[in-house]
């Protein structure tokens, strides 16, 4: 029943903030680079890393959209103060 585990993992990562996901992703990368894990453990770490990267990407894309919207606002008449 790997699908149930994957769904649970996806649900759990969806609630993570950017910093939490980033920090966990850093730890996953460290563990993968250090080696000493079985193939199965390495694959599980890789899959977790992919999910965490998606969470980070989602947060960063949202931040970019907010910045773009904020930068667009003053151009619509920000010089009218007085």
PDB file of N, CA and C in Angstrom:
ATOM      1  N   UNK A   1       0.809  -1.194   0.000  1.00  0.00           N
ATOM      2  CA  UNK A   1       0.000   0.000   0.000  1.00  0.00           C
ATOM      3  C   UNK A   1       0.857   1.265   0.000  1.00  0.00           C
ATOM      4  N   UNK A   2       1.770   1.364  -0.913  1.00  0.00           N
ATOM      5  CA  UNK A   2       2.660   2.506  -0.997  1.00  0.00           C
ATOM      6  C   UNK A   2       1.900   3.787  -1.278  1.00  0.00           C
ATOM      7  N   UNK A   3       0.799   3.698  -2.030  1.00  0.00           N
ATOM      8  CA  UNK A   3       0.035   4.890  -2.363  1.00  0.00           C
ATOM      9  C   UNK A   3      -0.495   5.587  -1.120  1.00  0.00           C
ATOM     10  N   UNK A   4      -0.947   4.824  -0.120  1.00  0.00           N
ATOM     11  CA  UNK A   4      -1.429   5.424   1.117  1.00  0.00           C
ATOM     12  C   UNK A   4      -0.309   6.174   1.829  1.00  0.00           C
ATOM     13  N   UNK A   5       0.867   5.594   1.869  1.00  0.00           N
ATOM     14  CA  UNK A   5       2.014   6.251   2.490  1.00  0.00           C
ATOM     15  C   UNK A   5       2.424   7.503   1.745  1.00  0.00           C
ATOM     16  N   UNK A   6       2.378   7.444   0.433  1.00  0.00           N
ATOM     17  CA  UNK A   6       2.725   8.598  -0.378  1.00  0.00           C
ATOM     18  C   UNK A   6       1.716   9.718  -0.173  1.00  0.00           C
ATOM     19  N   UNK A   7       0.436   9.377  -0.102  1.00  0.00           N
ATOM     20  CA  UNK A   7      -0.598  10.380   0.122  1.00  0.00           C
ATOM     21  C   UNK A   7      -0.425  11.025   1.488  1.00  0.00           C
ATOM     22  N   UNK A   8      -0.109  10.223   2.489  1.00  0.00           N
ATOM     23  CA  UNK A   8       0.102  10.759   3.835  1.00  0.00           C
ATOM     24  C   UNK A   8       1.311  11.688   3.855  1.00  0.00           C
ATOM     25  N   UNK A   9       2.375  11.297   3.161  1.00  0.00           N
ATOM     26  CA  UNK A   9       3.570  12.131   3.096  1.00  0.00           C
ATOM     27  C   UNK A   9       3.266  13.441   2.387  1.00  0.00           C
ATOM     28  N   UNK A  10       2.532  13.372   1.288  1.00  0.00           N
ATOM     29  CA  UNK A  10       2.181  14.584   0.549  1.00  0.00           C
ATOM     30  C   UNK A  10       1.325  15.504   1.402  1.00  0.00           C
ATOM     31  N   UNK A  11       0.399  14.941   2.151  1.00  0.00           N
ATOM     32  CA  UNK A  11      -0.447  15.747   3.024  1.00  0.00           C
ATOM     33  C   UNK A  11       0.388  16.402   4.114  1.00  0.00           C
ATOM     34  N   UNK A  12       1.346  15.665   4.657  1.00  0.00           N
ATOM     35  CA  UNK A  12       2.188  16.206   5.720  1.00  0.00           C
ATOM     36  C   UNK A  12       3.091  17.321   5.189  1.00  0.00           C
ATOM     37  N   UNK A  13       3.651  17.163   4.014  1.00  0.00           N
ATOM     38  CA  UNK A  13       4.531  18.189   3.475  1.00  0.00           C
ATOM     39  C   UNK A  13       3.744  19.417   3.071  1.00  0.00           C
ATOM     40  N   UNK A  14       2.477  19.259   2.729  1.00  0.00           N
ATOM     41  CA  UNK A  14       1.655  20.399   2.350  1.00  0.00           C
ATOM     42  C   UNK A  14       1.436  21.373   3.485  1.00  0.00           C
ATOM     43  N   UNK A  15       1.609  20.927   4.710  1.00  0.00           N
ATOM     44  CA  UNK A  15       1.393  21.801   5.859  1.00  0.00           C
ATOM     45  C   UNK A  15       2.684  22.451   6.342  1.00  0.00           C
ATOM     46  N   UNK A  16       3.805  22.105   5.744  1.00  0.00           N
ATOM     47  CA  UNK A  16       5.081  22.662   6.166  1.00  0.00           C
ATOM     48  C   UNK A  16       5.251  24.084   5.661  1.00  0.00           C
ATOM     49  N   UNK A  17       5.883  24.903   6.488  1.00  0.00           N
ATOM     50  CA  UNK A  17       6.291  26.219   6.042  1.00  0.00           C
ATOM     51  C   UNK A  17       7.553  26.107   5.212  1.00  0.00           C
ATOM     52  N   UNK A  18       7.921  27.201   4.573  1.00  0.00           N
ATOM     53  CA  UNK A  18       9.097  27.183   3.711  1.00  0.00           C
ATOM     54  C   UNK A  18      10.358  26.803   4.484  1.00  0.00           C
ATOM     55  N   UNK A  19      10.577  27.462   5.622  1.00  0.00           N
ATOM     56  CA  UNK A  19      11.801  27.218   6.379  1.00  0.00           C
ATOM     57  C   UNK A  19      11.886  25.782   6.875  1.00  0.00           C
ATOM     58  N   UNK A  20      10.758  25.229   7.317  1.00  0.00           N
ATOM     59  CA  UNK A  20      10.745  23.843   7.781  1.00  0.00           C
ATOM     60  C   UNK A  20      11.091  22.893   6.640  1.00  0.00           C
ATOM     61  N   UNK A  21      10.464  23.105   5.484  1.00  0.00           N
ATOM     62  CA  UNK A  21      10.719  22.244   4.332  1.00  0.00           C
ATOM     63  C   UNK A  21      12.163  22.366   3.872  1.00  0.00           C
ATOM     64  N   UNK A  22      12.670  23.595   3.844  1.00  0.00           N
ATOM     65  CA  UNK A  22      14.057  23.818   3.423  1.00  0.00           C
ATOM     66  C   UNK A  22      15.037  23.123   4.359  1.00  0.00           C
ATOM     67  N   UNK A  23      14.817  23.274   5.666  1.00  0.00           N
ATOM     68  CA  UNK A  23      15.718  22.661   6.639  1.00  0.00           C
ATOM     69  C   UNK A  23      15.694  21.135   6.542  1.00  0.00           C
ATOM     70  N   UNK A  24      14.499  20.578   6.365  1.00  0.00           N
ATOM     71  CA  UNK A  24      14.410  19.122   6.235  1.00  0.00           C
ATOM     72  C   UNK A  24      15.060  18.660   4.935  1.00  0.00           C
ATOM     73  N   UNK A  25      14.892  19.439   3.874  1.00  0.00           N
ATOM     74  CA  UNK A  25      15.515  19.102   2.595  1.00  0.00           C
ATOM     75  C   UNK A  25      17.038  19.108   2.718  1.00  0.00           C
ATOM     76  N   UNK A  26      17.574  20.073   3.433  1.00  0.00           N
ATOM     77  CA  UNK A  26      19.021  20.125   3.656  1.00  0.00           C
ATOM     78  C   UNK A  26      19.487  18.853   4.374  1.00  0.00           C
ATOM     79  N   UNK A  27      18.727  18.426   5.365  1.00  0.00           N
ATOM     80  CA  UNK A  27      19.081  17.215   6.105  1.00  0.00           C
ATOM     81  C   UNK A  27      19.005  15.978   5.211  1.00  0.00           C
ATOM     82  N   UNK A  28      17.995  15.910   4.363  1.00  0.00           N
ATOM     83  CA  UNK A  28      17.863  14.788   3.434  1.00  0.00           C
ATOM     84  C   UNK A  28      19.074  14.737   2.507  1.00  0.00           C
ATOM     85  N   UNK A  29      19.471  15.872   1.976  1.00  0.00           N
ATOM     86  CA  UNK A  29      20.631  15.922   1.079  1.00  0.00           C
ATOM     87  C   UNK A  29      21.889  15.485   1.812  1.00  0.00           C
ATOM     88  N   UNK A  30      22.075  15.957   3.044  1.00  0.00           N
ATOM     89  CA  UNK A  30      23.246  15.552   3.833  1.00  0.00           C
ATOM     90  C   UNK A  30      23.295  14.037   4.001  1.00  0.00           C
ATOM     91  N   UNK A  31      22.151  13.457   4.337  1.00  0.00           N
ATOM     92  CA  UNK A  31      22.105  12.012   4.549  1.00  0.00           C
ATOM     93  C   UNK A  31      22.409  11.254   3.271  1.00  0.00           C
ATOM     94  N   UNK A  32      21.878  11.740   2.144  1.00  0.00           N
ATOM     95  CA  UNK A  32      22.152  11.079   0.869  1.00  0.00           C
ATOM     96  C   UNK A  32      23.634  11.192   0.500  1.00  0.00           C
ATOM     97  N   UNK A  33      24.215  12.374   0.703  1.00  0.00           N
ATOM     98  CA  UNK A  33      25.617  12.570   0.364  1.00  0.00           C
ATOM     99  C   UNK A  33      26.546  11.773   1.270  1.00  0.00           C
ATOM    100  N   UNK A  34      26.139  11.574   2.516  1.00  0.00           N
ATOM    101  CA  UNK A  34      26.974  10.835   3.466  1.00  0.00           C
ATOM    102  C   UNK A  34      27.048   9.358   3.116  1.00  0.00           C
ATOM    103  N   UNK A  35      26.008   8.860   2.460  1.00  0.00           N
ATOM    104  CA  UNK A  35      25.992   7.449   2.098  1.00  0.00           C
ATOM    105  C   UNK A  35      25.737   6.581   3.310  1.00  0.00           C
ATOM    106  N   UNK A  36      26.016   5.297   3.175  1.00  0.00           N
ATOM    107  CA  UNK A  36      25.844   4.368   4.282  1.00  0.00           C
ATOM    108  C   UNK A  36      24.407   3.926   4.482  1.00  0.00           C
ATOM    109  N   UNK A  37      23.530   4.253   3.548  1.00  0.00           N
ATOM    110  CA  UNK A  37      22.145   3.806   3.641  1.00  0.00           C
ATOM    111  C   UNK A  37      21.892   2.728   2.598  1.00  0.00           C
ATOM    112  N   UNK A  38      20.882   1.945   2.850  1.00  0.00           N
ATOM    113  CA  UNK A  38      20.513   0.921   1.877  1.00  0.00           C
ATOM    114  C   UNK A  38      19.887   1.582   0.661  1.00  0.00           C
ATOM    115  N   UNK A  39      19.745   0.804  -0.385  1.00  0.00           N
ATOM    116  CA  UNK A  39      19.111   1.312  -1.592  1.00  0.00           C
ATOM    117  C   UNK A  39      17.683   1.766  -1.280  1.00  0.00           C
ATOM    118  N   UNK A  40      16.965   0.966  -0.519  1.00  0.00           N
ATOM    119  CA  UNK A  40      15.578   1.306  -0.168  1.00  0.00           C
ATOM    120  C   UNK A  40      15.516   2.606   0.631  1.00  0.00           C
ATOM    121  N   UNK A  41      16.424   2.768   1.593  1.00  0.00           N
ATOM    122  CA  UNK A  41      16.467   4.000   2.390  1.00  0.00           C
ATOM    123  C   UNK A  41      16.818   5.203   1.516  1.00  0.00           C
ATOM    124  N   UNK A  42      17.759   5.005   0.612  1.00  0.00           N
ATOM    125  CA  UNK A  42      18.153   6.085  -0.294  1.00  0.00           C
ATOM    126  C   UNK A  42      16.996   6.514  -1.182  1.00  0.00           C
ATOM    127  N   UNK A  43      16.256   5.539  -1.696  1.00  0.00           N
ATOM    128  CA  UNK A  43      15.100   5.867  -2.529  1.00  0.00           C
ATOM    129  C   UNK A  43      14.032   6.620  -1.735  1.00  0.00           C
ATOM    130  N   UNK A  44      13.804   6.191  -0.498  1.00  0.00           N
ATOM    131  CA  UNK A  44      12.825   6.877   0.347  1.00  0.00           C
ATOM    132  C   UNK A  44      13.275   8.309   0.637  1.00  0.00           C
ATOM    133  N   UNK A  45      14.566   8.490   0.896  1.00  0.00           N
ATOM    134  CA  UNK A  45      15.088   9.834   1.123  1.00  0.00           C
ATOM    135  C   UNK A  45      14.945  10.693  -0.134  1.00  0.00           C
ATOM    136  N   UNK A  46      15.239  10.115  -1.278  1.00  0.00           N
ATOM    137  CA  UNK A  46      15.119  10.850  -2.547  1.00  0.00           C
ATOM    138  C   UNK A  46      13.675  11.299  -2.767  1.00  0.00           C
ATOM    139  N   UNK A  47      12.721  10.394  -2.533  1.00  0.00           N
ATOM    140  CA  UNK A  47      11.311  10.731  -2.711  1.00  0.00           C
ATOM    141  C   UNK A  47      10.888  11.838  -1.747  1.00  0.00           C
ATOM    142  N   UNK A  48      11.350  11.750  -0.511  1.00  0.00           N
ATOM    143  CA  UNK A  48      11.038  12.791   0.470  1.00  0.00           C
ATOM    144  C   UNK A  48      11.642  14.118   0.028  1.00  0.00           C
ATOM    145  N   UNK A  49      12.851  14.075  -0.479  1.00  0.00           N
ATOM    146  CA  UNK A  49      13.496  15.282  -0.974  1.00  0.00           C
ATOM    147  C   UNK A  49      12.727  15.919  -2.115  1.00  0.00           C
ATOM    148  N   UNK A  50      12.214  15.096  -3.015  1.00  0.00           N
ATOM    149  CA  UNK A  50      11.412  15.623  -4.128  1.00  0.00           C
ATOM    150  C   UNK A  50      10.159  16.329  -3.619  1.00  0.00           C
ATOM    151  N   UNK A  51       9.492  15.726  -2.641  1.00  0.00           N
ATOM    152  CA  UNK A  51       8.288  16.344  -2.065  1.00  0.00           C
ATOM    153  C   UNK A  51       8.628  17.663  -1.370  1.00  0.00           C
ATOM    154  N   UNK A  52       9.713  17.673  -0.631  1.00  0.00           N
ATOM    155  CA  UNK A  52      10.126  18.889   0.067  1.00  0.00           C
ATOM    156  C   UNK A  52      10.507  19.984  -0.923  1.00  0.00           C
ATOM    157  N   UNK A  53      11.157  19.608  -2.015  1.00  0.00           N
ATOM    158  CA  UNK A  53      11.508  20.589  -3.045  1.00  0.00           C
ATOM    159  C   UNK A  53      10.251  21.196  -3.656  1.00  0.00           C
ATOM    160  N   UNK A  54       9.213  20.397  -3.842  1.00  0.00           N
ATOM    161  CA  UNK A  54       7.943  20.911  -4.368  1.00  0.00           C
ATOM    162  C   UNK A  54       7.321  21.914  -3.408  1.00  0.00           C
ATOM    163  N   UNK A  55       7.389  21.602  -2.113  1.00  0.00           N
ATOM    164  CA  UNK A  55       6.847  22.523  -1.114  1.00  0.00           C
ATOM    165  C   UNK A  55       7.610  23.846  -1.165  1.00  0.00           C
ATOM    166  N   UNK A  56       8.932  23.777  -1.210  1.00  0.00           N
ATOM    167  CA  UNK A  56       9.739  24.993  -1.284  1.00  0.00           C
ATOM    168  C   UNK A  56       9.422  25.790  -2.545  1.00  0.00           C
ATOM    169  N   UNK A  57       9.314  25.097  -3.668  1.00  0.00           N
ATOM    170  CA  UNK A  57       9.006  25.757  -4.929  1.00  0.00           C
ATOM    171  C   UNK A  57       7.653  26.455  -4.864  1.00  0.00           C
ATOM    172  N   UNK A  58       6.670  25.799  -4.245  1.00  0.00           N
ATOM    173  CA  UNK A  58       5.339  26.386  -4.098  1.00  0.00           C
ATOM    174  C   UNK A  58       5.407  27.685  -3.298  1.00  0.00           C
ATOM    175  N   UNK A  59       6.123  27.661  -2.169  1.00  0.00           N
ATOM    176  CA  UNK A  59       6.251  28.860  -1.341  1.00  0.00           C
ATOM    177  C   UNK A  59       6.971  29.975  -2.093  1.00  0.00           C
ATOM    178  N   UNK A  60       8.047  29.636  -2.818  1.00  0.00           N
ATOM    179  CA  UNK A  60       8.804  30.645  -3.539  1.00  0.00           C
ATOM    180  C   UNK A  60       7.998  31.254  -4.683  1.00  0.00           C
ATOM    181  N   UNK A  61       7.226  30.427  -5.379  1.00  0.00           N
ATOM    182  CA  UNK A  61       6.380  30.952  -6.452  1.00  0.00           C
ATOM    183  C   UNK A  61       5.312  31.887  -5.889  1.00  0.00           C
ATOM    184  N   UNK A  62       4.762  31.533  -4.725  1.00  0.00           N
ATOM    185  CA  UNK A  62       3.784  32.404  -4.073  1.00  0.00           C
ATOM    186  C   UNK A  62       4.399  33.725  -3.656  1.00  0.00           C
ATOM    187  N   UNK A  63       5.609  33.673  -3.131  1.00  0.00           N
ATOM    188  CA  UNK A  63       6.301  34.896  -2.725  1.00  0.00           C
ATOM    189  C   UNK A  63       6.588  35.774  -3.938  1.00  0.00           C
ATOM    190  N   UNK A  64       7.001  35.148  -5.035  1.00  0.00           N
ATOM    191  CA  UNK A  64       7.278  35.917  -6.258  1.00  0.00           C
ATOM    192  C   UNK A  64       6.007  36.598  -6.764  1.00  0.00           C
ATOM    193  N   UNK A  65       4.891  35.903  -6.730  1.00  0.00           N
ATOM    194  CA  UNK A  65       3.627  36.484  -7.183  1.00  0.00           C
ATOM    195  C   UNK A  65       3.231  37.668  -6.301  1.00  0.00           C
ATOM    196  N   UNK A  66       3.424  37.524  -4.990  1.00  0.00           N
ATOM    197  CA  UNK A  66       3.104  38.631  -4.079  1.00  0.00           C
ATOM    198  C   UNK A  66       3.996  39.835  -4.336  1.00  0.00           C
ATOM    199  N   UNK A  67       5.286  39.592  -4.570  1.00  0.00           N
ATOM    200  CA  UNK A  67       6.201  40.694  -4.860  1.00  0.00           C
ATOM    201  C   UNK A  67       5.847  41.378  -6.173  1.00  0.00           C
ATOM    202  N   UNK A  68       5.546  40.579  -7.180  1.00  0.00           N
ATOM    203  CA  UNK A  68       5.165  41.149  -8.470  1.00  0.00           C
ATOM    204  C   UNK A  68       3.922  42.017  -8.335  1.00  0.00           C
ATOM    205  N   UNK A  69       2.940  41.543  -7.554  1.00  0.00           N
ATOM    206  CA  UNK A  69       1.713  42.309  -7.346  1.00  0.00           C
ATOM    207  C   UNK A  69       2.001  43.598  -6.586  1.00  0.00           C
ATOM    208  N   UNK A  70       2.852  43.522  -5.581  1.00  0.00           N
ATOM    209  CA  UNK A  70       3.186  44.710  -4.796  1.00  0.00           C
ATOM    210  C   UNK A  70       3.958  45.726  -5.632  1.00  0.00           C
ATOM    211  N   UNK A  71       4.852  45.248  -6.481  1.00  0.00           N
ATOM    212  CA  UNK A  71       5.613  46.158  -7.332  1.00  0.00           C
ATOM    213  C   UNK A  71       4.743  46.788  -8.411  1.00  0.00           C
ATOM    214  N   UNK A  72       3.703  46.113  -8.826  1.00  0.00           N
ATOM    215  CA  UNK A  72       2.821  46.636  -9.870  1.00  0.00           C
ATOM    216  C   UNK A  72       1.912  47.734  -9.329  1.00  0.00           C
ATOM    217  N   UNK A  73       1.556  47.684  -8.066  1.00  0.00           N
ATOM    218  CA  UNK A  73       0.630  48.665  -7.488  1.00  0.00           C
ATOM    219  C   UNK A  73       1.104  50.102  -7.565  1.00  0.00           C
ATOM    220  N   UNK A  74       2.307  50.451  -7.130  1.00  0.00           N
ATOM    221  CA  UNK A  74       2.714  51.870  -7.148  1.00  0.00           C
ATOM    222  C   UNK A  74       2.728  52.484  -8.540  1.00  0.00           C
ATOM    223  N   UNK A  75       2.928  51.694  -9.568  1.00  0.00           N
ATOM    224  CA  UNK A  75       2.950  52.202 -10.931  1.00  0.00           C
ATOM    225  C   UNK A  75       1.582  52.672 -11.399  1.00  0.00           C
ATOM    226  N   UNK A  76       0.536  52.262 -10.658  1.00  0.00           N
ATOM    227  CA  UNK A  76      -0.816  52.633 -11.058  1.00  0.00           C
ATOM    228  C   UNK A  76      -1.252  53.974 -10.498  1.00  0.00           C
ATOM    229  N   UNK A  77      -0.348  54.765  -9.966  1.00  0.00           N
ATOM    230  CA  UNK A  77      -0.718  56.087  -9.459  1.00  0.00           C
ATOM    231  C   UNK A  77      -0.184  56.369  -8.079  1.00  0.00           C
ATOM    232  N   UNK A  78       0.976  55.885  -7.764  1.00  0.00           N
ATOM    233  CA  UNK A  78       1.561  56.087  -6.444  1.00  0.00           C
ATOM    234  C   UNK A  78       2.048  57.511  -6.219  1.00  0.00           C
ATOM    235  N   UNK A  79       2.104  58.389  -7.245  1.00  0.00           N
ATOM    236  CA  UNK A  79       2.594  59.754  -7.109  1.00  0.00           C
ATOM    237  C   UNK A  79       1.502  60.729  -6.740  1.00  0.00           C
ATOM    238  N   UNK A  80       0.286  60.298  -6.479  1.00  0.00           N
ATOM    239  CA  UNK A  80      -0.855  61.162  -6.227  1.00  0.00           C
ATOM    240  C   UNK A  80      -0.970  61.574  -4.763  1.00  0.00           C
ATOM    241  N   UNK A  81      -0.033  61.188  -3.903  1.00  0.00           N
ATOM    242  CA  UNK A  81      -0.115  61.540  -2.494  1.00  0.00           C
ATOM    243  C   UNK A  81       0.080  63.032  -2.310  1.00  0.00           C
ATOM    244  N   UNK A  82      -0.623  63.595  -1.314  1.00  0.00           N
ATOM    245  CA  UNK A  82      -0.378  64.998  -1.138  1.00  0.00           C
ATOM    246  C   UNK A  82      -1.120  65.522  -0.060  1.00  0.00           C
TER     247      UNK A  82
END
